[in-house]
Amino acid sequence: MTDTFHDLVERLDRLLPQTQCGQCGFDGCLPYAQAMAHGDAGVDRCPPGGDAGARALAKALGVPALPYDRSRGAHKPPTVAVIVEADCIGCTKCILACPVDAIIGGAKHMHVVIDPLCTGCELCVPACPVDCIVMQSA
């Protein structure tokens, strides 16, 4: 692979919102950027990036712009996870689900989200067995 390919991957990755949510069908923003650079994925797969993100990706690749694929999820304003302390049982399932290590805590102790690290991917919400995680505006 050439430097040009790596430069393209880096440029595409920088254009992505870095939520690492997987809504695109890949394990994160970098694998999605690599797939686009290889020609294995379209520019329309990122709900967090919305239509503007899809246009920016299309411009970087020199392909026609497409609206993002709404079947993959809704484009929403940025949010962060908040753990309701009184309800947290310390199961650690949210910690394991977080792709960016934004949740800290130990087994059988309350967990906390480090706001600046949270990408708002929402992957911790379904992982919580007691529904103590809420998403709030960033």
N, C-alpha and C. Protein backbone atom coordinates (compact mmCIF):
# COMPACT_ATOMS: atom_id res chain seq x y z
N MET A 1 0.83 -1.18 0.00
CA MET A 1 0.00 0.00 0.00
C MET A 1 0.87 1.24 0.00
N THR A 2 0.47 2.18 -0.77
CA THR A 2 1.29 3.38 -0.95
C THR A 2 1.00 4.42 0.12
N ASP A 3 1.90 5.40 0.20
CA ASP A 3 1.67 6.52 1.11
C ASP A 3 0.39 7.24 0.74
N THR A 4 0.08 7.31 -0.56
CA THR A 4 -1.14 7.97 -1.00
C THR A 4 -2.36 7.27 -0.41
N PHE A 5 -2.37 5.95 -0.40
CA PHE A 5 -3.46 5.20 0.20
C PHE A 5 -3.58 5.52 1.68
N HIS A 6 -2.45 5.49 2.39
CA HIS A 6 -2.46 5.78 3.83
C HIS A 6 -2.90 7.22 4.09
N ASP A 7 -2.49 8.13 3.24
CA ASP A 7 -2.92 9.53 3.37
C ASP A 7 -4.44 9.64 3.20
N LEU A 8 -4.97 8.90 2.23
CA LEU A 8 -6.41 8.92 1.99
C LEU A 8 -7.15 8.35 3.19
N VAL A 9 -6.68 7.24 3.73
CA VAL A 9 -7.31 6.65 4.91
C VAL A 9 -7.29 7.64 6.06
N GLU A 10 -6.16 8.28 6.27
CA GLU A 10 -6.05 9.26 7.35
C GLU A 10 -7.01 10.42 7.15
N ARG A 11 -7.10 10.91 5.93
CA ARG A 11 -8.01 12.03 5.62
C ARG A 11 -9.46 11.62 5.87
N LEU A 12 -9.85 10.43 5.41
CA LEU A 12 -11.21 9.95 5.62
C LEU A 12 -11.50 9.75 7.10
N ASP A 13 -10.55 9.19 7.82
CA ASP A 13 -10.73 8.96 9.25
C ASP A 13 -10.91 10.29 9.99
N ARG A 14 -10.17 11.31 9.59
CA ARG A 14 -10.31 12.64 10.22
C ARG A 14 -11.68 13.25 9.95
N LEU A 15 -12.28 12.92 8.81
CA LEU A 15 -13.61 13.45 8.48
C LEU A 15 -14.73 12.76 9.25
N LEU A 16 -14.48 11.56 9.73
CA LEU A 16 -15.49 10.82 10.47
C LEU A 16 -15.60 11.35 11.90
N PRO A 17 -16.77 11.19 12.53
CA PRO A 17 -16.99 11.81 13.85
C PRO A 17 -16.31 11.13 15.03
N GLN A 18 -15.67 10.00 14.80
CA GLN A 18 -14.93 9.27 15.85
C GLN A 18 -15.81 8.82 17.00
N THR A 19 -17.07 8.50 16.70
CA THR A 19 -17.94 7.95 17.74
C THR A 19 -17.63 6.50 18.02
N GLN A 20 -17.06 5.78 17.05
CA GLN A 20 -16.72 4.36 17.19
C GLN A 20 -17.97 3.54 17.49
N CYS A 21 -19.12 3.97 16.97
CA CYS A 21 -20.41 3.37 17.32
C CYS A 21 -20.73 2.09 16.56
N GLY A 22 -20.13 1.88 15.41
CA GLY A 22 -20.38 0.68 14.64
C GLY A 22 -21.63 0.73 13.77
N GLN A 23 -22.35 1.84 13.76
CA GLN A 23 -23.56 1.93 12.95
C GLN A 23 -23.27 1.79 11.46
N CYS A 24 -22.04 2.02 11.07
CA CYS A 24 -21.63 1.90 9.67
C CYS A 24 -21.45 0.44 9.26
N GLY A 25 -21.42 -0.45 10.24
CA GLY A 25 -21.20 -1.86 9.96
C GLY A 25 -19.75 -2.28 10.16
N PHE A 26 -18.92 -1.36 10.58
CA PHE A 26 -17.51 -1.65 10.85
C PHE A 26 -17.24 -1.45 12.34
N ASP A 27 -16.10 -1.95 12.81
CA ASP A 27 -15.78 -1.90 14.23
C ASP A 27 -15.33 -0.53 14.72
N GLY A 28 -15.39 0.46 13.90
CA GLY A 28 -14.99 1.80 14.29
C GLY A 28 -14.76 2.66 13.08
N CYS A 29 -14.39 3.90 13.34
CA CYS A 29 -14.20 4.86 12.25
C CYS A 29 -13.02 4.51 11.35
N LEU A 30 -11.91 4.08 11.92
CA LEU A 30 -10.75 3.74 11.10
C LEU A 30 -11.03 2.56 10.16
N PRO A 31 -11.62 1.46 10.63
CA PRO A 31 -11.93 0.39 9.68
C PRO A 31 -12.90 0.83 8.57
N TYR A 32 -13.83 1.71 8.90
CA TYR A 32 -14.73 2.24 7.88
C TYR A 32 -13.95 3.09 6.88
N ALA A 33 -13.05 3.92 7.36
CA ALA A 33 -12.21 4.74 6.47
C ALA A 33 -11.38 3.84 5.55
N GLN A 34 -10.82 2.78 6.10
CA GLN A 34 -10.03 1.85 5.29
C GLN A 34 -10.88 1.19 4.21
N ALA A 35 -12.10 0.79 4.58
CA ALA A 35 -13.00 0.16 3.61
C ALA A 35 -13.38 1.13 2.50
N MET A 36 -13.62 2.38 2.84
CA MET A 36 -13.93 3.38 1.81
C MET A 36 -12.75 3.58 0.88
N ALA A 37 -11.55 3.67 1.45
CA ALA A 37 -10.35 3.88 0.64
C ALA A 37 -10.11 2.69 -0.29
N HIS A 38 -10.46 1.50 0.14
CA HIS A 38 -10.34 0.30 -0.70
C HIS A 38 -11.45 0.20 -1.73
N GLY A 39 -12.50 1.00 -1.56
CA GLY A 39 -13.65 0.92 -2.45
C GLY A 39 -14.65 -0.14 -2.03
N ASP A 40 -14.53 -0.61 -0.79
CA ASP A 40 -15.42 -1.65 -0.29
C ASP A 40 -16.62 -1.13 0.48
N ALA A 41 -16.73 0.17 0.67
CA ALA A 41 -17.86 0.76 1.39
C ALA A 41 -18.16 2.13 0.81
N GLY A 42 -19.43 2.48 0.83
CA GLY A 42 -19.85 3.79 0.33
C GLY A 42 -19.71 4.87 1.38
N VAL A 43 -19.93 6.10 0.97
CA VAL A 43 -19.77 7.26 1.84
C VAL A 43 -21.00 7.53 2.70
N ASP A 44 -22.03 6.74 2.53
CA ASP A 44 -23.34 7.03 3.13
C ASP A 44 -23.67 6.22 4.38
N ARG A 45 -22.69 5.64 5.03
CA ARG A 45 -22.96 4.68 6.10
C ARG A 45 -22.84 5.23 7.52
N CYS A 46 -22.66 6.53 7.70
CA CYS A 46 -22.37 7.08 9.04
C CYS A 46 -23.48 8.01 9.53
N PRO A 47 -24.43 7.49 10.33
CA PRO A 47 -25.46 8.36 10.88
C PRO A 47 -24.92 9.52 11.73
N PRO A 48 -23.92 9.31 12.60
CA PRO A 48 -23.43 10.45 13.38
C PRO A 48 -22.87 11.58 12.50
N GLY A 49 -22.33 11.25 11.35
CA GLY A 49 -21.81 12.28 10.45
C GLY A 49 -22.90 12.98 9.66
N GLY A 50 -24.03 12.30 9.49
CA GLY A 50 -25.16 12.89 8.78
C GLY A 50 -24.87 13.15 7.32
N ASP A 51 -25.74 13.93 6.70
CA ASP A 51 -25.59 14.26 5.28
C ASP A 51 -24.33 15.08 5.03
N ALA A 52 -24.01 15.99 5.94
CA ALA A 52 -22.80 16.81 5.76
C ALA A 52 -21.55 15.94 5.77
N GLY A 53 -21.52 14.96 6.65
CA GLY A 53 -20.38 14.05 6.70
C GLY A 53 -20.26 13.23 5.44
N ALA A 54 -21.40 12.76 4.93
CA ALA A 54 -21.40 11.97 3.70
C ALA A 54 -20.90 12.82 2.53
N ARG A 55 -21.29 14.09 2.50
CA ARG A 55 -20.82 14.98 1.43
C ARG A 55 -19.31 15.20 1.53
N ALA A 56 -18.81 15.39 2.74
CA ALA A 56 -17.37 15.60 2.93
C ALA A 56 -16.58 14.36 2.52
N LEU A 57 -17.08 13.19 2.87
CA LEU A 57 -16.41 11.95 2.48
C LEU A 57 -16.41 11.79 0.96
N ALA A 58 -17.54 12.09 0.33
CA ALA A 58 -17.65 11.98 -1.12
C ALA A 58 -16.66 12.93 -1.80
N LYS A 59 -16.55 14.13 -1.28
CA LYS A 59 -15.61 15.11 -1.85
C LYS A 59 -14.18 14.59 -1.74
N ALA A 60 -13.82 14.03 -0.58
CA ALA A 60 -12.46 13.52 -0.38
C ALA A 60 -12.15 12.36 -1.31
N LEU A 61 -13.17 11.57 -1.62
CA LEU A 61 -12.97 10.42 -2.51
C LEU A 61 -13.19 10.76 -3.98
N GLY A 62 -13.74 11.93 -4.24
CA GLY A 62 -14.02 12.30 -5.62
C GLY A 62 -15.14 11.49 -6.24
N VAL A 63 -16.14 11.16 -5.43
CA VAL A 63 -17.29 10.40 -5.90
C VAL A 63 -18.55 11.24 -5.70
N PRO A 64 -19.65 10.86 -6.35
CA PRO A 64 -20.89 11.62 -6.17
C PRO A 64 -21.37 11.58 -4.71
N ALA A 65 -21.87 12.70 -4.25
CA ALA A 65 -22.39 12.78 -2.88
C ALA A 65 -23.71 12.04 -2.78
N LEU A 66 -23.93 11.42 -1.63
CA LEU A 66 -25.17 10.72 -1.32
C LEU A 66 -25.63 11.16 0.05
N PRO A 67 -26.94 11.16 0.30
CA PRO A 67 -27.39 11.38 1.69
C PRO A 67 -27.01 10.14 2.51
N TYR A 68 -26.84 10.32 3.81
CA TYR A 68 -26.49 9.16 4.61
C TYR A 68 -27.68 8.19 4.66
N ASP A 69 -27.39 6.94 4.83
CA ASP A 69 -28.39 5.87 4.84
C ASP A 69 -29.14 5.88 6.17
N ARG A 70 -30.35 6.40 6.14
CA ARG A 70 -31.15 6.55 7.35
C ARG A 70 -31.55 5.21 7.98
N SER A 71 -31.46 4.12 7.25
CA SER A 71 -31.79 2.81 7.83
C SER A 71 -30.74 2.38 8.86
N ARG A 72 -29.60 3.06 8.88
CA ARG A 72 -28.53 2.72 9.83
C ARG A 72 -28.70 3.44 11.17
N GLY A 73 -29.58 4.42 11.22
CA GLY A 73 -29.80 5.16 12.47
C GLY A 73 -30.05 6.63 12.18
N ALA A 74 -30.45 7.32 13.21
CA ALA A 74 -30.78 8.74 13.08
C ALA A 74 -29.55 9.61 13.34
N HIS A 75 -29.48 10.71 12.61
CA HIS A 75 -28.45 11.73 12.88
C HIS A 75 -28.97 12.56 14.05
N LYS A 76 -28.21 12.64 15.13
CA LYS A 76 -28.66 13.34 16.34
C LYS A 76 -27.60 14.34 16.78
N PRO A 77 -28.02 15.32 17.57
CA PRO A 77 -27.03 16.22 18.16
C PRO A 77 -26.09 15.43 19.07
N PRO A 78 -24.90 15.94 19.31
CA PRO A 78 -23.94 15.23 20.17
C PRO A 78 -24.49 15.02 21.59
N THR A 79 -24.27 13.83 22.12
CA THR A 79 -24.69 13.49 23.47
C THR A 79 -23.54 12.80 24.20
N VAL A 80 -23.70 12.72 25.51
CA VAL A 80 -22.76 11.97 26.34
C VAL A 80 -23.57 11.09 27.29
N ALA A 81 -23.00 9.99 27.69
CA ALA A 81 -23.65 9.09 28.64
C ALA A 81 -23.47 9.62 30.05
N VAL A 82 -24.51 9.44 30.85
CA VAL A 82 -24.47 9.79 32.27
C VAL A 82 -25.01 8.58 33.03
N ILE A 83 -24.28 8.19 34.06
CA ILE A 83 -24.70 7.05 34.88
C ILE A 83 -25.43 7.59 36.10
N VAL A 84 -26.64 7.09 36.32
CA VAL A 84 -27.42 7.45 37.49
C VAL A 84 -26.82 6.68 38.68
N GLU A 85 -26.08 7.42 39.49
CA GLU A 85 -25.27 6.80 40.55
C GLU A 85 -26.08 5.92 41.50
N ALA A 86 -27.26 6.37 41.87
CA ALA A 86 -28.06 5.64 42.85
C ALA A 86 -28.51 4.27 42.32
N ASP A 87 -28.55 4.12 41.00
CA ASP A 87 -29.04 2.88 40.41
C ASP A 87 -27.93 1.93 39.94
N CYS A 88 -26.70 2.41 39.87
CA CYS A 88 -25.58 1.60 39.36
C CYS A 88 -25.24 0.49 40.35
N ILE A 89 -25.17 -0.75 39.83
CA ILE A 89 -24.84 -1.90 40.69
C ILE A 89 -23.38 -2.34 40.53
N GLY A 90 -22.62 -1.66 39.67
CA GLY A 90 -21.21 -1.99 39.52
C GLY A 90 -20.93 -3.28 38.78
N CYS A 91 -21.75 -3.58 37.78
CA CYS A 91 -21.61 -4.86 37.08
C CYS A 91 -20.46 -4.86 36.06
N THR A 92 -19.98 -3.72 35.66
CA THR A 92 -18.90 -3.49 34.68
C THR A 92 -19.28 -3.74 33.23
N LYS A 93 -20.54 -4.07 32.94
CA LYS A 93 -20.93 -4.34 31.55
C LYS A 93 -20.80 -3.10 30.68
N CYS A 94 -21.06 -1.93 31.26
CA CYS A 94 -20.92 -0.69 30.48
C CYS A 94 -19.45 -0.43 30.15
N ILE A 95 -18.58 -0.75 31.07
CA ILE A 95 -17.14 -0.55 30.85
C ILE A 95 -16.68 -1.41 29.67
N LEU A 96 -17.14 -2.65 29.64
CA LEU A 96 -16.76 -3.56 28.56
C LEU A 96 -17.34 -3.12 27.22
N ALA A 97 -18.50 -2.48 27.23
CA ALA A 97 -19.15 -2.06 25.99
C ALA A 97 -18.58 -0.78 25.41
N CYS A 98 -17.93 0.03 26.23
CA CYS A 98 -17.45 1.34 25.78
C CYS A 98 -16.22 1.19 24.87
N PRO A 99 -16.34 1.62 23.60
CA PRO A 99 -15.22 1.45 22.67
C PRO A 99 -14.08 2.44 22.86
N VAL A 100 -14.28 3.46 23.71
CA VAL A 100 -13.25 4.48 23.88
C VAL A 100 -12.77 4.62 25.33
N ASP A 101 -13.11 3.65 26.16
CA ASP A 101 -12.69 3.64 27.57
C ASP A 101 -13.05 4.93 28.30
N ALA A 102 -14.28 5.41 28.09
CA ALA A 102 -14.74 6.63 28.74
C ALA A 102 -15.43 6.36 30.07
N ILE A 103 -15.57 5.10 30.45
CA ILE A 103 -16.26 4.75 31.70
C ILE A 103 -15.25 4.11 32.63
N ILE A 104 -15.24 4.61 33.87
CA ILE A 104 -14.32 4.05 34.86
C ILE A 104 -15.11 3.55 36.06
N GLY A 105 -14.52 2.64 36.78
CA GLY A 105 -15.14 2.08 37.98
C GLY A 105 -14.70 0.65 38.14
N GLY A 106 -14.99 0.10 39.27
CA GLY A 106 -14.61 -1.28 39.55
C GLY A 106 -15.82 -2.14 39.81
N ALA A 107 -15.61 -3.43 39.80
CA ALA A 107 -16.70 -4.36 40.06
C ALA A 107 -17.33 -4.06 41.42
N LYS A 108 -18.66 -4.06 41.43
CA LYS A 108 -19.46 -3.81 42.63
C LYS A 108 -19.30 -2.41 43.20
N HIS A 109 -18.79 -1.49 42.37
CA HIS A 109 -18.70 -0.08 42.75
C HIS A 109 -19.33 0.76 41.64
N MET A 110 -19.79 1.91 42.01
CA MET A 110 -20.43 2.78 41.06
C MET A 110 -19.44 3.18 39.95
N HIS A 111 -19.96 3.32 38.74
CA HIS A 111 -19.14 3.72 37.61
C HIS A 111 -19.42 5.17 37.24
N VAL A 112 -18.48 5.77 36.54
CA VAL A 112 -18.58 7.18 36.15
C VAL A 112 -18.12 7.30 34.70
N VAL A 113 -18.79 8.20 33.97
CA VAL A 113 -18.40 8.49 32.59
C VAL A 113 -17.51 9.73 32.60
N ILE A 114 -16.39 9.64 31.93
CA ILE A 114 -15.50 10.79 31.77
C ILE A 114 -16.01 11.55 30.54
N ASP A 115 -16.74 12.63 30.80
CA ASP A 115 -17.44 13.35 29.72
C ASP A 115 -16.58 13.70 28.51
N PRO A 116 -15.39 14.24 28.68
CA PRO A 116 -14.61 14.62 27.49
C PRO A 116 -14.21 13.43 26.61
N LEU A 117 -14.22 12.23 27.16
CA LEU A 117 -13.85 11.05 26.38
C LEU A 117 -15.05 10.37 25.72
N CYS A 118 -16.25 10.63 26.24
CA CYS A 118 -17.46 9.97 25.73
C CYS A 118 -17.79 10.51 24.35
N THR A 119 -17.98 9.58 23.41
CA THR A 119 -18.30 9.96 22.03
C THR A 119 -19.80 9.95 21.76
N GLY A 120 -20.59 9.50 22.72
CA GLY A 120 -22.03 9.45 22.53
C GLY A 120 -22.50 8.30 21.68
N CYS A 121 -21.73 7.24 21.59
CA CYS A 121 -22.05 6.11 20.72
C CYS A 121 -23.26 5.32 21.20
N GLU A 122 -23.60 5.43 22.45
CA GLU A 122 -24.75 4.77 23.07
C GLU A 122 -24.59 3.26 23.24
N LEU A 123 -23.42 2.71 23.01
CA LEU A 123 -23.24 1.26 23.14
C LEU A 123 -23.34 0.79 24.59
N CYS A 124 -23.13 1.69 25.53
CA CYS A 124 -23.23 1.32 26.94
C CYS A 124 -24.68 1.19 27.40
N VAL A 125 -25.59 1.87 26.74
CA VAL A 125 -26.99 1.89 27.19
C VAL A 125 -27.62 0.49 27.16
N PRO A 126 -27.58 -0.23 26.03
CA PRO A 126 -28.20 -1.56 26.06
C PRO A 126 -27.41 -2.57 26.89
N ALA A 127 -26.14 -2.29 27.17
CA ALA A 127 -25.33 -3.21 27.97
C ALA A 127 -25.71 -3.18 29.45
N CYS A 128 -26.32 -2.09 29.89
CA CYS A 128 -26.63 -1.91 31.32
C CYS A 128 -27.88 -2.71 31.69
N PRO A 129 -27.75 -3.66 32.64
CA PRO A 129 -28.90 -4.50 33.00
C PRO A 129 -29.91 -3.80 33.90
N VAL A 130 -29.55 -2.64 34.45
CA VAL A 130 -30.48 -1.94 35.34
C VAL A 130 -30.92 -0.59 34.77
N ASP A 131 -30.62 -0.34 33.51
CA ASP A 131 -31.05 0.89 32.83
C ASP A 131 -30.68 2.16 33.60
N CYS A 132 -29.46 2.22 34.08
CA CYS A 132 -29.04 3.40 34.84
C CYS A 132 -28.21 4.38 34.01
N ILE A 133 -28.18 4.19 32.69
CA ILE A 133 -27.41 5.09 31.83
C ILE A 133 -28.37 5.88 30.96
N VAL A 134 -28.22 7.19 31.01
CA VAL A 134 -29.03 8.07 30.18
C VAL A 134 -28.11 8.90 29.30
N MET A 135 -28.63 9.28 28.15
CA MET A 135 -27.85 10.12 27.24
C MET A 135 -28.34 11.56 27.40
N GLN A 136 -27.39 12.49 27.54
CA GLN A 136 -27.73 13.90 27.69
C GLN A 136 -26.97 14.71 26.64
N SER A 137 -27.51 15.89 26.32
CA SER A 137 -26.84 16.77 25.35
C SER A 137 -25.43 17.07 25.80
N ALA A 138 -24.54 17.06 24.83
CA ALA A 138 -23.13 17.31 25.13
C ALA A 138 -22.89 18.79 25.34
